[in-house]
Amino acid sequence: MSRYQGGFDNQQVLRYAKNVEKLTLALSLESVVKLLEEQDIMAGRKPDGVIEAVRYSPQGNIELVRAYERRGFIFSDVVLLNRQALLEKLQNGLVFVTGQRTHYRANVFDTGKTLHLAGSGKSIITTKEQAGTQDFLANVPMF
């Protein structure tokens, strides 16, 4: 068993080296996460969902939307959301935008306007600044 000048044996030096390696990895992961969070903040909040198509009821309100929802770093397959589910998600602070998935690029979208709630009871879903009495998603195809 050899000893270094400081009085440490080989096992102590190896344990120290492993701890330094773990600490370096932890610090580098922490810095990467912090950098990603800063980029996310600087780029603006990323959408929690992208609405691709809409179906309106005869009264002019949204009946159903075809959307993709964010699941971590990726988006889901197409999901159908009725008006009540979409309204609840918007009221809970989730951000939805209009848009289309880019062909042959699974996680890339051409996005349009952001959805927001309007009206006196905040129950009108729209992309316009001046909301009327009905839901309206500009430039979203109907299905």
N, C-alpha and C. Protein backbone atom coordinates (compact mmCIF):
# COMPACT_ATOMS: atom_id res chain seq x y z
N MET A 1 0.85 -1.17 0.00
CA MET A 1 0.00 0.00 0.00
C MET A 1 0.90 1.23 0.00
N SER A 2 0.81 1.97 -1.06
CA SER A 2 1.65 3.17 -1.14
C SER A 2 0.89 4.37 -0.60
N ARG A 3 1.64 5.31 -0.11
CA ARG A 3 1.04 6.53 0.43
C ARG A 3 1.57 7.73 -0.35
N TYR A 4 0.65 8.67 -0.58
CA TYR A 4 1.04 9.92 -1.24
C TYR A 4 1.56 10.88 -0.20
N GLN A 5 2.09 11.98 -0.65
CA GLN A 5 2.72 12.95 0.24
C GLN A 5 1.77 13.45 1.32
N GLY A 6 0.50 13.55 1.00
CA GLY A 6 -0.47 14.05 1.97
C GLY A 6 -0.89 13.02 2.99
N GLY A 7 -0.41 11.78 2.91
CA GLY A 7 -0.77 10.76 3.86
C GLY A 7 -1.98 9.94 3.45
N PHE A 8 -2.46 10.04 2.19
CA PHE A 8 -3.60 9.27 1.71
C PHE A 8 -3.11 7.99 1.05
N ASP A 9 -3.87 6.89 1.24
CA ASP A 9 -3.51 5.68 0.52
C ASP A 9 -4.26 5.62 -0.81
N ASN A 10 -3.97 4.60 -1.61
CA ASN A 10 -4.55 4.48 -2.96
C ASN A 10 -6.07 4.45 -2.93
N GLN A 11 -6.66 3.73 -1.98
CA GLN A 11 -8.11 3.61 -1.90
C GLN A 11 -8.77 4.97 -1.62
N GLN A 12 -8.19 5.73 -0.76
CA GLN A 12 -8.74 7.05 -0.45
C GLN A 12 -8.66 7.97 -1.66
N VAL A 13 -7.56 7.89 -2.40
CA VAL A 13 -7.41 8.72 -3.60
C VAL A 13 -8.43 8.31 -4.65
N LEU A 14 -8.66 7.00 -4.83
CA LEU A 14 -9.65 6.54 -5.80
C LEU A 14 -11.06 6.98 -5.41
N ARG A 15 -11.40 6.86 -4.12
CA ARG A 15 -12.72 7.31 -3.67
C ARG A 15 -12.89 8.81 -3.91
N TYR A 16 -11.86 9.57 -3.62
CA TYR A 16 -11.89 11.02 -3.84
C TYR A 16 -12.08 11.32 -5.33
N ALA A 17 -11.35 10.60 -6.19
CA ALA A 17 -11.44 10.83 -7.63
C ALA A 17 -12.85 10.51 -8.13
N LYS A 18 -13.45 9.43 -7.63
CA LYS A 18 -14.82 9.07 -8.03
C LYS A 18 -15.80 10.14 -7.58
N ASN A 19 -15.63 10.65 -6.36
CA ASN A 19 -16.51 11.70 -5.87
C ASN A 19 -16.37 12.98 -6.69
N VAL A 20 -15.14 13.31 -7.07
CA VAL A 20 -14.93 14.49 -7.92
C VAL A 20 -15.58 14.29 -9.28
N GLU A 21 -15.48 13.07 -9.81
CA GLU A 21 -16.10 12.76 -11.10
C GLU A 21 -17.61 12.91 -11.02
N LYS A 22 -18.22 12.37 -9.95
CA LYS A 22 -19.67 12.49 -9.77
C LYS A 22 -20.08 13.95 -9.62
N LEU A 23 -19.31 14.70 -8.85
CA LEU A 23 -19.61 16.11 -8.64
C LEU A 23 -19.51 16.89 -9.94
N THR A 24 -18.49 16.60 -10.74
CA THR A 24 -18.32 17.27 -12.02
C THR A 24 -19.49 16.96 -12.94
N LEU A 25 -19.91 15.69 -12.98
CA LEU A 25 -21.05 15.30 -13.80
C LEU A 25 -22.31 15.99 -13.32
N ALA A 26 -22.53 16.02 -12.01
CA ALA A 26 -23.72 16.67 -11.47
C ALA A 26 -23.72 18.16 -11.80
N LEU A 27 -22.57 18.81 -11.67
CA LEU A 27 -22.49 20.24 -11.98
C LEU A 27 -22.72 20.49 -13.46
N SER A 28 -22.18 19.61 -14.31
CA SER A 28 -22.37 19.82 -15.74
C SER A 28 -23.83 19.58 -16.13
N LEU A 29 -24.49 18.58 -15.52
CA LEU A 29 -25.92 18.36 -15.80
C LEU A 29 -26.75 19.53 -15.31
N GLU A 30 -26.40 20.04 -14.14
CA GLU A 30 -27.12 21.19 -13.60
C GLU A 30 -26.97 22.40 -14.51
N SER A 31 -25.77 22.60 -15.03
CA SER A 31 -25.55 23.75 -15.91
C SER A 31 -26.29 23.58 -17.24
N VAL A 32 -26.37 22.35 -17.73
CA VAL A 32 -27.11 22.10 -18.97
C VAL A 32 -28.59 22.37 -18.76
N VAL A 33 -29.15 21.89 -17.65
CA VAL A 33 -30.56 22.13 -17.36
C VAL A 33 -30.83 23.63 -17.23
N LYS A 34 -29.95 24.33 -16.54
CA LYS A 34 -30.11 25.77 -16.37
C LYS A 34 -30.05 26.48 -17.72
N LEU A 35 -29.14 26.06 -18.58
CA LEU A 35 -29.02 26.66 -19.91
C LEU A 35 -30.28 26.42 -20.73
N LEU A 36 -30.81 25.19 -20.66
CA LEU A 36 -32.04 24.90 -21.40
C LEU A 36 -33.21 25.72 -20.86
N GLU A 37 -33.29 25.88 -19.55
CA GLU A 37 -34.36 26.69 -18.97
C GLU A 37 -34.23 28.15 -19.41
N GLU A 38 -33.00 28.66 -19.45
CA GLU A 38 -32.78 30.04 -19.88
C GLU A 38 -33.17 30.21 -21.35
N GLN A 39 -32.82 29.24 -22.19
CA GLN A 39 -33.18 29.32 -23.60
C GLN A 39 -34.69 29.28 -23.76
N ASP A 40 -35.36 28.44 -22.96
CA ASP A 40 -36.80 28.34 -23.02
C ASP A 40 -37.44 29.66 -22.63
N ILE A 41 -36.91 30.31 -21.59
CA ILE A 41 -37.45 31.59 -21.15
C ILE A 41 -37.19 32.67 -22.20
N MET A 42 -35.98 32.68 -22.76
CA MET A 42 -35.64 33.71 -23.75
C MET A 42 -36.45 33.54 -25.03
N ALA A 43 -36.74 32.31 -25.39
CA ALA A 43 -37.47 32.06 -26.63
C ALA A 43 -38.97 32.23 -26.43
N GLY A 44 -39.40 32.48 -25.24
CA GLY A 44 -40.83 32.56 -24.96
C GLY A 44 -41.32 31.18 -24.56
N ARG A 45 -42.45 31.14 -23.94
CA ARG A 45 -42.98 29.85 -23.48
C ARG A 45 -43.39 29.00 -24.66
N LYS A 46 -42.97 27.77 -24.63
CA LYS A 46 -43.32 26.85 -25.71
C LYS A 46 -44.77 26.40 -25.52
N PRO A 47 -45.46 26.14 -26.62
CA PRO A 47 -46.86 25.75 -26.50
C PRO A 47 -47.02 24.37 -25.88
N ASP A 48 -48.10 24.20 -25.15
CA ASP A 48 -48.44 22.90 -24.56
C ASP A 48 -49.27 22.08 -25.54
N GLY A 49 -49.73 22.71 -26.61
CA GLY A 49 -50.51 22.01 -27.61
C GLY A 49 -50.63 22.81 -28.89
N VAL A 50 -50.82 22.09 -29.99
CA VAL A 50 -51.00 22.72 -31.30
C VAL A 50 -52.31 22.22 -31.88
N ILE A 51 -53.20 23.14 -32.22
CA ILE A 51 -54.50 22.78 -32.79
C ILE A 51 -54.39 22.82 -34.30
N GLU A 52 -54.73 21.68 -34.91
CA GLU A 52 -54.57 21.50 -36.35
C GLU A 52 -55.87 21.72 -37.11
N ALA A 53 -57.00 21.35 -36.52
CA ALA A 53 -58.29 21.49 -37.20
C ALA A 53 -59.39 21.66 -36.16
N VAL A 54 -60.51 22.21 -36.58
CA VAL A 54 -61.60 22.51 -35.65
C VAL A 54 -62.94 22.11 -36.28
N ARG A 55 -63.90 21.77 -35.44
CA ARG A 55 -65.27 21.52 -35.88
C ARG A 55 -66.16 22.41 -35.02
N TYR A 56 -66.99 23.20 -35.67
CA TYR A 56 -67.89 24.11 -34.97
C TYR A 56 -69.29 23.51 -34.88
N SER A 57 -70.00 23.84 -33.81
CA SER A 57 -71.40 23.44 -33.66
C SER A 57 -72.27 24.40 -34.49
N PRO A 58 -73.52 24.08 -34.71
CA PRO A 58 -74.39 25.01 -35.44
C PRO A 58 -74.53 26.37 -34.75
N GLN A 59 -74.32 26.44 -33.45
CA GLN A 59 -74.41 27.70 -32.72
C GLN A 59 -73.14 28.54 -32.88
N GLY A 60 -72.10 27.98 -33.48
CA GLY A 60 -70.87 28.73 -33.71
C GLY A 60 -69.79 28.50 -32.68
N ASN A 61 -70.03 27.65 -31.70
CA ASN A 61 -69.01 27.34 -30.71
C ASN A 61 -68.18 26.13 -31.16
N ILE A 62 -67.00 26.02 -30.60
CA ILE A 62 -66.15 24.86 -30.92
C ILE A 62 -66.83 23.60 -30.39
N GLU A 63 -66.93 22.61 -31.24
CA GLU A 63 -67.47 21.33 -30.82
C GLU A 63 -66.33 20.35 -30.54
N LEU A 64 -65.31 20.37 -31.41
CA LEU A 64 -64.21 19.41 -31.32
C LEU A 64 -62.99 20.01 -31.99
N VAL A 65 -61.80 19.74 -31.46
CA VAL A 65 -60.56 20.15 -32.12
C VAL A 65 -59.66 18.94 -32.27
N ARG A 66 -58.89 18.96 -33.33
CA ARG A 66 -57.86 17.94 -33.56
C ARG A 66 -56.54 18.59 -33.19
N ALA A 67 -55.84 18.02 -32.21
CA ALA A 67 -54.67 18.70 -31.67
C ALA A 67 -53.55 17.71 -31.37
N TYR A 68 -52.38 18.28 -31.12
CA TYR A 68 -51.21 17.54 -30.64
C TYR A 68 -50.85 18.15 -29.29
N GLU A 69 -50.64 17.32 -28.27
CA GLU A 69 -50.29 17.82 -26.95
C GLU A 69 -48.83 17.54 -26.64
N ARG A 70 -48.18 18.50 -25.98
CA ARG A 70 -46.78 18.33 -25.59
C ARG A 70 -46.70 17.33 -24.45
N ARG A 71 -45.79 16.39 -24.60
CA ARG A 71 -45.50 15.41 -23.55
C ARG A 71 -44.00 15.44 -23.31
N GLY A 72 -43.56 16.38 -22.49
CA GLY A 72 -42.13 16.54 -22.26
C GLY A 72 -41.49 17.24 -23.45
N PHE A 73 -40.51 16.58 -24.05
CA PHE A 73 -39.82 17.18 -25.19
C PHE A 73 -40.50 16.88 -26.52
N ILE A 74 -41.48 15.98 -26.52
CA ILE A 74 -42.11 15.57 -27.76
C ILE A 74 -43.61 15.85 -27.71
N PHE A 75 -44.26 15.68 -28.86
CA PHE A 75 -45.70 15.86 -28.94
C PHE A 75 -46.38 14.51 -29.14
N SER A 76 -47.62 14.43 -28.71
CA SER A 76 -48.41 13.22 -28.84
C SER A 76 -48.84 13.00 -30.29
N ASP A 77 -49.48 11.87 -30.51
CA ASP A 77 -50.18 11.68 -31.76
C ASP A 77 -51.42 12.57 -31.71
N VAL A 78 -52.19 12.56 -32.76
CA VAL A 78 -53.39 13.40 -32.80
C VAL A 78 -54.35 13.00 -31.69
N VAL A 79 -54.85 14.00 -30.97
CA VAL A 79 -55.88 13.78 -29.97
C VAL A 79 -57.08 14.65 -30.32
N LEU A 80 -58.27 14.16 -29.99
CA LEU A 80 -59.49 14.93 -30.20
C LEU A 80 -59.94 15.47 -28.84
N LEU A 81 -60.12 16.78 -28.79
CA LEU A 81 -60.55 17.43 -27.55
C LEU A 81 -61.89 18.10 -27.79
N ASN A 82 -62.85 17.85 -26.90
CA ASN A 82 -64.11 18.58 -27.03
C ASN A 82 -63.93 19.97 -26.43
N ARG A 83 -64.94 20.78 -26.56
CA ARG A 83 -64.84 22.18 -26.11
C ARG A 83 -64.55 22.27 -24.62
N GLN A 84 -65.23 21.46 -23.82
CA GLN A 84 -65.06 21.52 -22.37
C GLN A 84 -63.63 21.17 -21.97
N ALA A 85 -63.05 20.14 -22.57
CA ALA A 85 -61.68 19.74 -22.24
C ALA A 85 -60.68 20.83 -22.63
N LEU A 86 -60.87 21.42 -23.81
CA LEU A 86 -59.99 22.51 -24.26
C LEU A 86 -60.13 23.72 -23.34
N LEU A 87 -61.35 24.06 -22.97
CA LEU A 87 -61.61 25.19 -22.08
C LEU A 87 -60.93 24.98 -20.72
N GLU A 88 -61.01 23.78 -20.17
CA GLU A 88 -60.37 23.48 -18.89
C GLU A 88 -58.85 23.62 -18.99
N LYS A 89 -58.27 23.13 -20.08
CA LYS A 89 -56.82 23.23 -20.27
C LYS A 89 -56.39 24.69 -20.36
N LEU A 90 -57.14 25.51 -21.07
CA LEU A 90 -56.81 26.93 -21.18
C LEU A 90 -56.98 27.64 -19.84
N GLN A 91 -58.02 27.29 -19.09
CA GLN A 91 -58.24 27.90 -17.78
C GLN A 91 -57.15 27.50 -16.78
N ASN A 92 -56.56 26.32 -16.98
CA ASN A 92 -55.47 25.87 -16.11
C ASN A 92 -54.13 26.45 -16.50
N GLY A 93 -54.09 27.33 -17.50
CA GLY A 93 -52.86 28.01 -17.86
C GLY A 93 -52.05 27.37 -18.96
N LEU A 94 -52.55 26.32 -19.58
CA LEU A 94 -51.80 25.71 -20.69
C LEU A 94 -51.91 26.61 -21.92
N VAL A 95 -50.85 26.63 -22.72
CA VAL A 95 -50.79 27.48 -23.91
C VAL A 95 -51.01 26.62 -25.15
N PHE A 96 -52.03 26.96 -25.94
CA PHE A 96 -52.30 26.28 -27.20
C PHE A 96 -52.15 27.29 -28.33
N VAL A 97 -51.61 26.82 -29.44
CA VAL A 97 -51.47 27.65 -30.63
C VAL A 97 -52.10 26.91 -31.80
N THR A 98 -52.39 27.66 -32.85
CA THR A 98 -52.85 27.03 -34.08
C THR A 98 -51.63 26.66 -34.89
N GLY A 99 -51.77 25.67 -35.76
CA GLY A 99 -50.63 25.30 -36.60
C GLY A 99 -50.81 23.98 -37.29
N GLN A 100 -49.79 23.63 -38.05
CA GLN A 100 -49.76 22.38 -38.81
C GLN A 100 -48.43 21.69 -38.58
N ARG A 101 -48.45 20.38 -38.53
CA ARG A 101 -47.20 19.62 -38.39
C ARG A 101 -46.45 19.67 -39.72
N THR A 102 -45.15 19.91 -39.65
CA THR A 102 -44.31 19.95 -40.85
C THR A 102 -44.13 18.52 -41.36
N HIS A 103 -44.29 18.33 -42.67
CA HIS A 103 -44.18 16.99 -43.26
C HIS A 103 -42.80 16.40 -43.03
N TYR A 104 -42.79 15.12 -42.66
CA TYR A 104 -41.56 14.33 -42.46
C TYR A 104 -40.71 14.83 -41.29
N ARG A 105 -41.25 15.67 -40.46
CA ARG A 105 -40.51 16.15 -39.28
C ARG A 105 -41.46 16.04 -38.09
N ALA A 106 -41.33 14.98 -37.36
CA ALA A 106 -42.31 14.58 -36.35
C ALA A 106 -42.59 15.63 -35.29
N ASN A 107 -41.61 16.36 -34.85
CA ASN A 107 -41.79 17.25 -33.71
C ASN A 107 -41.72 18.72 -34.09
N VAL A 108 -41.87 19.03 -35.37
CA VAL A 108 -41.74 20.41 -35.84
C VAL A 108 -43.08 20.87 -36.39
N PHE A 109 -43.50 22.06 -35.96
CA PHE A 109 -44.78 22.60 -36.38
C PHE A 109 -44.60 23.99 -36.97
N ASP A 110 -45.44 24.31 -37.95
CA ASP A 110 -45.57 25.69 -38.42
C ASP A 110 -46.70 26.28 -37.59
N THR A 111 -46.36 27.13 -36.65
CA THR A 111 -47.37 27.62 -35.71
C THR A 111 -47.93 28.97 -36.14
N GLY A 112 -49.14 29.20 -35.69
CA GLY A 112 -49.82 30.45 -35.98
C GLY A 112 -50.08 31.23 -34.71
N LYS A 113 -51.34 31.59 -34.51
CA LYS A 113 -51.71 32.45 -33.38
C LYS A 113 -51.96 31.64 -32.10
N THR A 114 -51.83 32.34 -30.99
CA THR A 114 -52.08 31.74 -29.67
C THR A 114 -53.56 31.86 -29.32
N LEU A 115 -54.12 30.81 -28.74
CA LEU A 115 -55.50 30.84 -28.28
C LEU A 115 -55.59 31.57 -26.95
N HIS A 116 -56.67 32.25 -26.74
CA HIS A 116 -56.91 32.87 -25.44
C HIS A 116 -58.40 32.89 -25.16
N LEU A 117 -58.73 33.11 -23.91
CA LEU A 117 -60.13 33.18 -23.48
C LEU A 117 -60.57 34.63 -23.46
N ALA A 118 -61.78 34.86 -23.93
CA ALA A 118 -62.30 36.23 -23.99
C ALA A 118 -63.76 36.21 -23.54
N GLY A 119 -64.35 37.38 -23.55
CA GLY A 119 -65.74 37.50 -23.16
C GLY A 119 -65.86 37.84 -21.68
N SER A 120 -67.06 38.18 -21.28
CA SER A 120 -67.27 38.60 -19.89
C SER A 120 -67.03 37.47 -18.91
N GLY A 121 -67.42 36.26 -19.27
CA GLY A 121 -67.21 35.11 -18.39
C GLY A 121 -65.97 34.32 -18.74
N LYS A 122 -65.15 34.87 -19.65
CA LYS A 122 -63.93 34.19 -20.12
C LYS A 122 -64.26 32.79 -20.63
N SER A 123 -65.34 32.69 -21.42
CA SER A 123 -65.74 31.39 -21.92
C SER A 123 -65.72 31.32 -23.44
N ILE A 124 -65.22 32.36 -24.09
CA ILE A 124 -65.12 32.35 -25.55
C ILE A 124 -63.67 32.05 -25.93
N ILE A 125 -63.47 31.00 -26.73
CA ILE A 125 -62.13 30.59 -27.16
C ILE A 125 -61.87 31.23 -28.51
N THR A 126 -60.79 32.00 -28.60
CA THR A 126 -60.54 32.73 -29.84
C THR A 126 -59.05 32.98 -30.06
N THR A 127 -58.72 33.36 -31.28
CA THR A 127 -57.36 33.80 -31.60
C THR A 127 -57.37 35.29 -31.94
N LYS A 128 -58.55 35.88 -31.98
CA LYS A 128 -58.66 37.30 -32.31
C LYS A 128 -58.48 38.15 -31.07
N GLU A 129 -58.09 39.41 -31.28
CA GLU A 129 -57.97 40.35 -30.17
C GLU A 129 -59.35 40.81 -29.71
N GLN A 130 -60.22 41.11 -30.66
CA GLN A 130 -61.57 41.56 -30.35
C GLN A 130 -62.52 40.37 -30.51
N ALA A 131 -62.92 39.77 -29.41
CA ALA A 131 -63.78 38.60 -29.47
C ALA A 131 -65.23 39.01 -29.66
N GLY A 132 -65.93 38.20 -30.42
CA GLY A 132 -67.36 38.40 -30.60
C GLY A 132 -68.11 37.59 -29.56
N THR A 133 -69.21 37.01 -30.00
CA THR A 133 -70.01 36.20 -29.09
C THR A 133 -69.82 34.72 -29.34
N GLN A 134 -68.99 34.36 -30.34
CA GLN A 134 -68.76 32.97 -30.68
C GLN A 134 -67.27 32.65 -30.67
N ASP A 135 -66.97 31.36 -30.54
CA ASP A 135 -65.59 30.90 -30.64
C ASP A 135 -65.11 31.11 -32.07
N PHE A 136 -63.82 31.42 -32.22
CA PHE A 136 -63.27 31.59 -33.56
C PHE A 136 -61.76 31.35 -33.54
N LEU A 137 -61.32 30.43 -34.37
CA LEU A 137 -59.89 30.14 -34.54
C LEU A 137 -59.52 30.51 -35.96
N ALA A 138 -58.76 31.60 -36.11
CA ALA A 138 -58.40 32.12 -37.42
C ALA A 138 -57.45 31.17 -38.16
N ASN A 139 -57.69 30.99 -39.43
CA ASN A 139 -56.84 30.19 -40.33
C ASN A 139 -56.68 28.74 -39.89
N VAL A 140 -57.68 28.19 -39.23
CA VAL A 140 -57.65 26.78 -38.85
C VAL A 140 -58.68 26.06 -39.71
N PRO A 141 -58.27 25.04 -40.46
CA PRO A 141 -59.24 24.33 -41.31
C PRO A 141 -60.28 23.59 -40.48
N MET A 142 -61.45 23.42 -41.07
CA MET A 142 -62.52 22.68 -40.41
C MET A 142 -62.49 21.22 -40.86
N PHE A 143 -62.91 20.34 -39.97
CA PHE A 143 -63.02 18.93 -40.34
C PHE A 143 -64.38 18.41 -39.96
